Amino acid sequence: MKRYVGAFFQWLLTMNTVWGLMIVTSFFLTVYRQYSPKEVMTDSSAWREGPNRVTIRINTGKETREVVTPIHCHGRNFQVESARSDGATTGELVARVLRVEPRLGEKLALVWQSHEAGEFTVLVNEAPVGKGKLVNLYALTDAALDYAKKAFELGLGLVSTMVLFLGLMKVGEDAGLVQFVARLMRPAIKRLFPEVPPEHPAVGAIIMNFTTSVLGLGNAATPFGLKAMNELQSLNPHKTVASNPMVVLLGWNTAGFAIIPTSMLAVRKAAGCSDVFQIIGPCMVAGLASTITAITLARLLGKLPMFSVEAALAEESGEAAEEASSQHSEDPQASQGGETEADTNSQEKE
């Protein structure tokens, strides 16, 4: 049973599942908000004895329309009369007041309905009592198509800017800048990865991964990171558990310290920012702080017993034993049949 629960949560936490659940949830929430009545809580002081005027104003983005509904108040009883909407007929109303319900204390709930999308404002006797946003399925579809178009336009601008920065970095690589930074970082690599032999191929891949990451060459850092992980796996005595150098390397690449954040600069340029280089200082400080935190925690947590390799191996062996026992208990007839067959063979030999 525990195995199936773990498999369910593993499926639930995958990226495609999360996106699918978000899409389905947004669809059902949109349908619910479109067809369910809306409520605006008002104070009893907003109403006066006798005739009252309720105005619901909806801005759809293209036009603003309003519905005026007379409501007659007599004590705590409210009578909704025929509404009018900018000279339109009753069938073309963008909103309808359904009722006014007394609630606890001095609160009164104005219940109304609308299938439009946009920003609304509710006024009682020309005094605003509530505002918010309305959504419907048409608005959800239009927003999805609109943001898809914006993403495409942003991607085009991002590609052109990334090509420019990667070209400049390629010039620096041919000029020996990457090799120079690699020589400077070699002592730091030895301190961060003392378990790796100095002449092992993993050291060169790690240095190139660190160098390209610092210079903002994210596309170039990825293959070097994969190469470094592959080389570190060859040094790993326990193939099913990540070693300490592998965890440190993953922490570095996750934190993402860079002197020139080319991806962020490209995004700001594609979005139309006037000063794209304004974020270089804050990005360096934030990236340095996150990198120091990631590496420090990777080194310190690795020394704790609960995060050690031995604990991971013990947990893995325990899960394997539990799985084997569950399979044995689920198929007792097969085991009994195997024992009977073994007894028969032994008797024949005798």
Protein backbone atom coordinates (compact mmCIF):
# COMPACT_ATOMS: atom_id res chain seq x y z
CA MET A 1 0.00 0.00 0.00
CA LYS A 2 2.80 2.40 0.88
CA ARG A 3 4.40 1.77 -2.50
CA TYR A 4 1.22 2.82 -4.33
CA VAL A 5 0.88 5.94 -2.18
CA GLY A 6 4.47 6.90 -2.98
CA ALA A 7 3.91 6.32 -6.69
CA PHE A 8 0.77 8.48 -6.54
CA PHE A 9 2.59 11.39 -4.90
CA GLN A 10 5.46 11.02 -7.35
CA TRP A 11 2.99 11.30 -10.22
CA LEU A 12 1.23 14.19 -8.51
CA LEU A 13 4.40 16.24 -8.15
CA THR A 14 5.54 15.96 -11.77
CA MET A 15 5.51 19.20 -13.77
CA ASN A 16 3.00 18.04 -16.37
CA THR A 17 0.59 16.93 -13.65
CA VAL A 18 0.89 20.26 -11.85
CA TRP A 19 0.19 22.18 -15.07
CA GLY A 20 -2.75 19.93 -15.90
CA LEU A 21 -4.28 20.35 -12.45
CA MET A 22 -3.84 24.13 -12.68
CA ILE A 23 -5.62 24.23 -16.05
CA VAL A 24 -8.52 22.05 -14.87
CA THR A 25 -8.84 24.02 -11.63
CA SER A 26 -8.89 27.37 -13.45
CA PHE A 27 -11.57 26.04 -15.82
CA PHE A 28 -13.89 24.89 -13.02
CA LEU A 29 -13.31 28.06 -11.00
CA THR A 30 -14.12 30.18 -14.04
CA VAL A 31 -17.35 28.26 -14.68
CA TYR A 32 -18.32 28.56 -11.00
CA ARG A 33 -17.63 32.30 -10.85
CA GLN A 34 -19.48 32.92 -14.11
CA TYR A 35 -22.74 31.19 -13.16
CA SER A 36 -22.81 31.64 -9.39
CA PRO A 37 -24.55 34.74 -7.90
CA LYS A 38 -22.34 37.57 -6.70
CA GLU A 39 -22.67 39.12 -3.26
CA VAL A 40 -21.71 42.57 -2.04
CA MET A 41 -21.95 43.16 1.71
CA THR A 42 -23.34 46.57 2.66
CA ASP A 43 -24.15 48.39 5.87
CA SER A 44 -27.74 49.13 6.70
CA SER A 45 -26.79 52.82 6.86
CA ALA A 46 -26.26 52.76 3.06
CA TRP A 47 -30.00 52.16 2.58
CA ARG A 48 -32.79 54.58 3.30
CA GLU A 49 -36.44 54.01 3.97
CA GLY A 50 -38.44 54.10 0.76
CA PRO A 51 -36.98 54.16 -2.77
CA ASN A 52 -33.29 53.33 -3.29
CA ARG A 53 -31.12 53.32 -6.39
CA VAL A 54 -28.64 50.48 -7.04
CA THR A 55 -26.16 50.97 -9.88
CA ILE A 56 -23.93 48.17 -11.20
CA ARG A 57 -21.22 49.51 -13.50
CA ILE A 58 -19.16 47.01 -15.55
CA ASN A 59 -16.07 47.96 -17.56
CA THR A 60 -15.40 45.22 -20.12
CA GLY A 61 -12.24 46.87 -21.45
CA LYS A 62 -13.95 48.00 -24.64
CA GLU A 63 -16.88 49.87 -23.09
CA THR A 64 -18.46 50.71 -19.77
CA ARG A 65 -22.10 49.82 -19.22
CA GLU A 66 -24.23 50.23 -16.16
CA VAL A 67 -27.53 48.89 -14.88
CA VAL A 68 -29.75 50.97 -12.60
CA THR A 69 -32.20 49.03 -10.42
CA PRO A 70 -34.77 50.74 -8.16
CA ILE A 71 -35.24 48.92 -4.84
CA HIS A 72 -37.96 49.89 -2.38
CA CYS A 73 -37.04 49.45 1.29
CA HIS A 74 -39.58 49.05 4.08
CA GLY A 75 -37.91 48.13 7.35
CA ARG A 76 -35.90 44.96 6.64
CA ASN A 77 -37.97 44.08 3.56
CA PHE A 78 -36.68 44.94 0.09
CA GLN A 79 -38.61 44.86 -3.18
CA VAL A 80 -36.58 44.79 -6.42
CA GLU A 81 -38.24 46.66 -9.28
CA SER A 82 -37.59 46.63 -13.05
CA ALA A 83 -34.07 47.71 -14.04
CA ARG A 84 -32.86 49.78 -16.94
CA SER A 85 -29.51 49.81 -18.71
CA ASP A 86 -28.36 52.76 -20.81
CA GLY A 87 -31.62 52.84 -22.76
CA ALA A 88 -31.34 49.13 -23.65
CA THR A 89 -34.15 46.65 -23.26
CA THR A 90 -34.46 44.40 -20.24
CA GLY A 91 -33.15 41.39 -22.19
CA GLU A 92 -29.86 43.18 -22.86
CA LEU A 93 -29.00 43.90 -19.24
CA VAL A 94 -25.38 43.15 -18.39
CA ALA A 95 -26.32 42.55 -14.73
CA ARG A 96 -29.44 41.85 -12.67
CA VAL A 97 -30.09 42.47 -9.02
CA LEU A 98 -31.71 39.36 -7.56
CA ARG A 99 -32.44 40.26 -3.95
CA VAL A 100 -31.25 41.96 -0.79
CA GLU A 101 -30.83 39.62 2.19
CA PRO A 102 -30.41 40.62 5.85
CA ARG A 103 -27.35 39.07 7.47
CA LEU A 104 -25.95 39.02 10.99
CA GLY A 105 -25.81 42.35 12.70
CA GLU A 106 -26.38 45.40 10.58
CA LYS A 107 -25.05 43.82 7.37
CA LEU A 108 -27.15 43.42 4.23
CA ALA A 109 -26.11 41.23 1.27
CA LEU A 110 -26.85 42.59 -2.19
CA VAL A 111 -27.12 39.50 -4.42
CA TRP A 112 -26.80 40.05 -8.17
CA GLN A 113 -25.82 38.13 -11.30
CA SER A 114 -23.82 38.86 -14.43
CA HIS A 115 -22.20 36.74 -17.15
CA GLU A 116 -19.90 39.53 -18.37
CA ALA A 117 -16.16 39.83 -17.80
CA GLY A 118 -14.33 42.90 -16.56
CA GLU A 119 -14.13 45.22 -13.57
CA PHE A 120 -17.33 46.04 -11.72
CA THR A 121 -18.39 48.72 -9.27
CA VAL A 122 -21.58 48.57 -7.20
CA LEU A 123 -23.17 51.78 -5.93
CA VAL A 124 -26.11 52.19 -3.56
CA ASN A 125 -27.68 55.64 -3.78
CA GLU A 126 -24.59 56.84 -5.72
CA ALA A 127 -22.23 55.69 -2.93
CA PRO A 128 -19.78 52.88 -3.85
CA VAL A 129 -20.20 49.80 -1.69
CA GLY A 130 -18.11 47.22 -3.57
CA LYS A 131 -15.87 46.57 -6.52
CA GLY A 132 -13.95 43.69 -8.06
CA LYS A 133 -13.43 41.63 -11.20
CA LEU A 134 -15.69 39.35 -13.20
CA VAL A 135 -14.45 36.42 -15.28
CA ASN A 136 -16.06 34.09 -17.79
CA LEU A 137 -14.97 31.40 -20.22
CA TYR A 138 -14.63 33.85 -23.09
CA ALA A 139 -12.30 36.02 -21.05
CA LEU A 140 -10.25 32.98 -20.03
CA THR A 141 -9.82 31.93 -23.68
CA ASP A 142 -8.97 35.46 -24.80
CA ALA A 143 -6.41 35.82 -22.01
CA ALA A 144 -4.76 32.51 -22.93
CA LEU A 145 -4.45 33.52 -26.59
CA ASP A 146 -3.26 37.01 -25.66
CA TYR A 147 -0.51 35.74 -23.37
CA ALA A 148 0.53 33.14 -25.96
CA LYS A 149 1.02 35.99 -28.43
CA LYS A 150 2.99 37.99 -25.86
CA ALA A 151 5.18 34.96 -25.11
CA PHE A 152 5.95 34.55 -28.83
CA GLU A 153 6.88 38.22 -29.19
CA LEU A 154 8.99 38.06 -26.03
CA GLY A 155 10.75 34.94 -27.35
CA LEU A 156 11.71 36.69 -30.58
CA GLY A 157 13.27 39.57 -28.69
CA LEU A 158 14.95 37.16 -26.30
CA VAL A 159 16.58 35.19 -29.12
CA SER A 160 18.10 38.27 -30.74
CA THR A 161 19.52 39.57 -27.46
CA MET A 162 20.85 36.17 -26.43
CA VAL A 163 22.59 35.81 -29.79
CA LEU A 164 24.30 39.16 -29.22
CA PHE A 165 25.56 38.33 -25.72
CA LEU A 166 26.61 34.78 -26.61
CA GLY A 167 28.51 36.16 -29.58
CA LEU A 168 30.36 38.60 -27.34
CA MET A 169 31.15 35.81 -24.91
CA LYS A 170 32.43 33.65 -27.77
CA VAL A 171 34.84 36.43 -28.70
CA GLY A 172 36.02 36.51 -25.08
CA GLU A 173 36.45 32.74 -25.12
CA ASP A 174 38.58 32.89 -28.27
CA ALA A 175 40.60 35.68 -26.69
CA GLY A 176 41.43 33.44 -23.71
CA LEU A 177 39.11 35.02 -21.13
CA VAL A 178 37.46 31.71 -20.20
CA GLN A 179 40.80 29.96 -19.79
CA PHE A 180 42.07 32.84 -17.63
CA VAL A 181 39.08 32.63 -15.31
CA ALA A 182 39.46 28.85 -15.17
CA ARG A 183 43.03 29.20 -13.91
CA LEU A 184 41.86 31.63 -11.25
CA MET A 185 39.13 29.27 -10.07
CA ARG A 186 41.28 26.13 -9.84
CA PRO A 187 42.26 26.68 -6.14
CA ALA A 188 38.60 27.19 -5.20
CA ILE A 189 37.66 23.98 -7.02
CA LYS A 190 40.22 22.03 -4.98
CA ARG A 191 38.69 23.32 -1.73
CA LEU A 192 35.10 22.68 -2.76
CA PHE A 193 35.79 19.18 -4.10
CA PRO A 194 38.52 17.64 -1.93
CA GLU A 195 37.25 14.12 -2.71
CA VAL A 196 38.05 14.49 -6.43
CA PRO A 197 41.66 13.69 -7.50
CA PRO A 198 43.43 16.75 -8.98
CA GLU A 199 44.15 15.08 -12.33
CA HIS A 200 40.73 13.50 -12.79
CA PRO A 201 38.72 14.55 -15.91
CA ALA A 202 35.92 15.71 -13.61
CA VAL A 203 38.05 18.64 -12.45
CA GLY A 204 38.30 20.11 -15.94
CA ALA A 205 34.58 19.73 -16.55
CA ILE A 206 33.77 21.34 -13.19
CA ILE A 207 36.08 24.27 -13.90
CA MET A 208 34.52 24.87 -17.32
CA ASN A 209 31.03 24.59 -15.81
CA PHE A 210 31.85 27.13 -13.09
CA THR A 211 33.57 29.48 -15.53
CA THR A 212 30.80 29.52 -18.10
CA SER A 213 28.19 29.94 -15.35
CA VAL A 214 30.00 32.94 -13.86
CA LEU A 215 30.29 34.56 -17.29
CA GLY A 216 26.59 34.06 -17.94
CA LEU A 217 26.97 31.40 -20.63
CA GLY A 218 24.04 29.29 -19.48
CA ASN A 219 23.78 27.33 -22.73
CA ALA A 220 27.47 26.49 -22.62
CA ALA A 221 27.43 25.66 -18.89
CA THR A 222 24.78 22.96 -19.27
CA PRO A 223 26.83 20.43 -21.28
CA PHE A 224 29.86 21.01 -19.04
CA GLY A 225 27.65 20.38 -15.99
CA LEU A 226 26.33 17.12 -17.46
CA LYS A 227 29.87 16.06 -18.31
CA ALA A 228 31.03 16.86 -14.76
CA MET A 229 28.16 14.85 -13.26
CA ASN A 230 29.01 11.90 -15.47
CA GLU A 231 32.65 12.00 -14.39
CA LEU A 232 31.70 12.35 -10.71
CA GLN A 233 29.41 9.34 -11.07
CA SER A 234 32.42 7.29 -12.17
CA LEU A 235 34.05 8.14 -8.82
CA ASN A 236 30.89 7.42 -6.83
CA PRO A 237 31.15 4.08 -4.97
CA HIS A 238 27.37 3.97 -4.44
CA LYS A 239 25.74 4.44 -7.83
CA THR A 240 22.18 4.84 -6.53
CA VAL A 241 23.01 7.66 -4.06
CA ALA A 242 24.46 11.06 -4.98
CA SER A 243 27.91 11.70 -3.57
CA ASN A 244 28.93 14.88 -1.74
CA PRO A 245 30.73 16.39 -4.77
CA MET A 246 27.63 15.79 -6.90
CA VAL A 247 25.43 17.56 -4.35
CA VAL A 248 27.81 20.55 -4.18
CA LEU A 249 27.89 20.81 -7.98
CA LEU A 250 24.09 20.69 -8.12
CA GLY A 251 23.87 23.42 -5.46
CA TRP A 252 26.19 25.65 -7.46
CA ASN A 253 24.24 25.26 -10.69
CA THR A 254 20.92 25.74 -8.90
CA ALA A 255 22.03 28.99 -7.20
CA GLY A 256 23.29 30.40 -10.51
CA PHE A 257 25.83 33.12 -9.61
CA ALA A 258 26.80 35.12 -12.68
CA ILE A 259 28.78 38.30 -13.22
CA ILE A 260 26.75 39.08 -16.35
CA PRO A 261 23.17 37.70 -16.12
CA THR A 262 22.66 37.45 -19.86
CA SER A 263 19.24 35.76 -19.61
CA MET A 264 17.82 38.48 -17.37
CA LEU A 265 19.29 41.20 -19.55
CA ALA A 266 17.72 39.60 -22.62
CA VAL A 267 14.32 39.37 -20.93
CA ARG A 268 14.45 43.02 -19.86
CA LYS A 269 15.49 44.10 -23.35
CA ALA A 270 12.71 42.06 -24.96
CA ALA A 271 10.19 43.59 -22.53
CA GLY A 272 11.17 47.09 -23.63
CA CYS A 273 13.20 48.17 -20.57
CA SER A 274 15.15 51.39 -21.11
CA ASP A 275 18.10 50.49 -18.83
CA VAL A 276 18.74 46.75 -19.08
CA PHE A 277 22.06 46.87 -17.17
CA GLN A 278 20.52 48.31 -14.01
CA ILE A 279 20.03 44.85 -12.44
CA ILE A 280 23.62 43.63 -12.78
CA GLY A 281 24.60 44.75 -9.25
CA PRO A 282 21.53 43.35 -7.44
CA CYS A 283 21.74 40.10 -9.43
CA MET A 284 25.40 39.65 -8.47
CA VAL A 285 24.64 40.21 -4.77
CA ALA A 286 21.61 37.90 -4.78
CA GLY A 287 23.43 35.23 -6.81
CA LEU A 288 26.48 35.35 -4.55
CA ALA A 289 24.35 35.06 -1.40
CA SER A 290 22.33 32.13 -2.78
CA THR A 291 25.49 30.36 -4.02
CA ILE A 292 27.27 30.68 -0.66
CA THR A 293 24.15 29.45 1.12
CA ALA A 294 23.71 26.46 -1.22
CA ILE A 295 27.34 25.32 -1.01
CA THR A 296 27.54 25.85 2.75
CA LEU A 297 24.37 23.85 3.38
CA ALA A 298 25.52 21.11 1.01
CA ARG A 299 28.78 20.74 2.90
CA LEU A 300 27.29 21.02 6.40
CA LEU A 301 24.22 18.84 5.90
CA GLY A 302 26.39 16.11 4.39
CA LYS A 303 28.10 15.75 7.78
CA LEU A 304 24.86 15.12 9.66
CA PRO A 305 23.93 11.45 10.20
CA MET A 306 20.41 11.76 8.79
CA PHE A 307 21.74 13.21 5.50
CA SER A 308 24.76 10.93 5.18
CA VAL A 309 25.33 8.37 2.44
CA GLU A 310 25.02 5.57 4.98
CA ALA A 311 21.53 6.76 5.99
CA ALA A 312 20.44 6.91 2.35
CA LEU A 313 21.77 3.40 1.72
CA ALA A 314 20.01 2.07 4.83
CA GLU A 315 16.74 3.66 3.75
CA GLU A 316 17.12 2.22 0.26
CA SER A 317 17.81 -1.28 1.57
CA GLY A 318 14.84 -1.02 3.94
CA GLU A 319 12.52 -0.05 1.09
CA ALA A 320 13.82 -2.92 -1.03
CA ALA A 321 13.26 -5.40 1.81
CA GLU A 322 9.76 -4.07 2.43
CA GLU A 323 8.91 -4.32 -1.26
CA ALA A 324 10.20 -7.90 -1.39
CA SER A 325 8.18 -8.87 1.67
CA SER A 326 5.02 -7.27 0.26
CA GLN A 327 5.44 -9.19 -2.99
CA HIS A 328 5.96 -12.40 -1.03
CA SER A 329 2.80 -11.79 1.03
CA GLU A 330 0.75 -10.91 -2.06
CA ASP A 331 1.60 -14.21 -3.77
CA PRO A 332 1.69 -16.90 -1.06
CA GLN A 333 0.45 -19.63 -3.40
CA ALA A 334 3.44 -19.24 -5.66
CA SER A 335 5.80 -19.61 -2.71
CA GLN A 336 3.90 -22.64 -1.44
CA GLY A 337 3.90 -24.12 -4.91
CA GLY A 338 7.64 -23.55 -5.15
CA GLU A 339 8.19 -25.24 -1.80
CA THR A 340 5.99 -28.22 -2.85
CA GLU A 341 7.88 -28.60 -6.08
CA ALA A 342 11.19 -28.50 -4.23
CA ASP A 343 9.97 -31.19 -1.79
CA THR A 344 8.83 -33.39 -4.71
CA ASN A 345 12.23 -33.09 -6.40
CA SER A 346 14.00 -34.02 -3.17
CA GLN A 347 11.78 -37.06 -2.66
CA GLU A 348 12.41 -38.26 -6.23
CA LYS A 349 16.15 -37.98 -5.65
CA GLU A 350 15.86 -40.10 -2.47
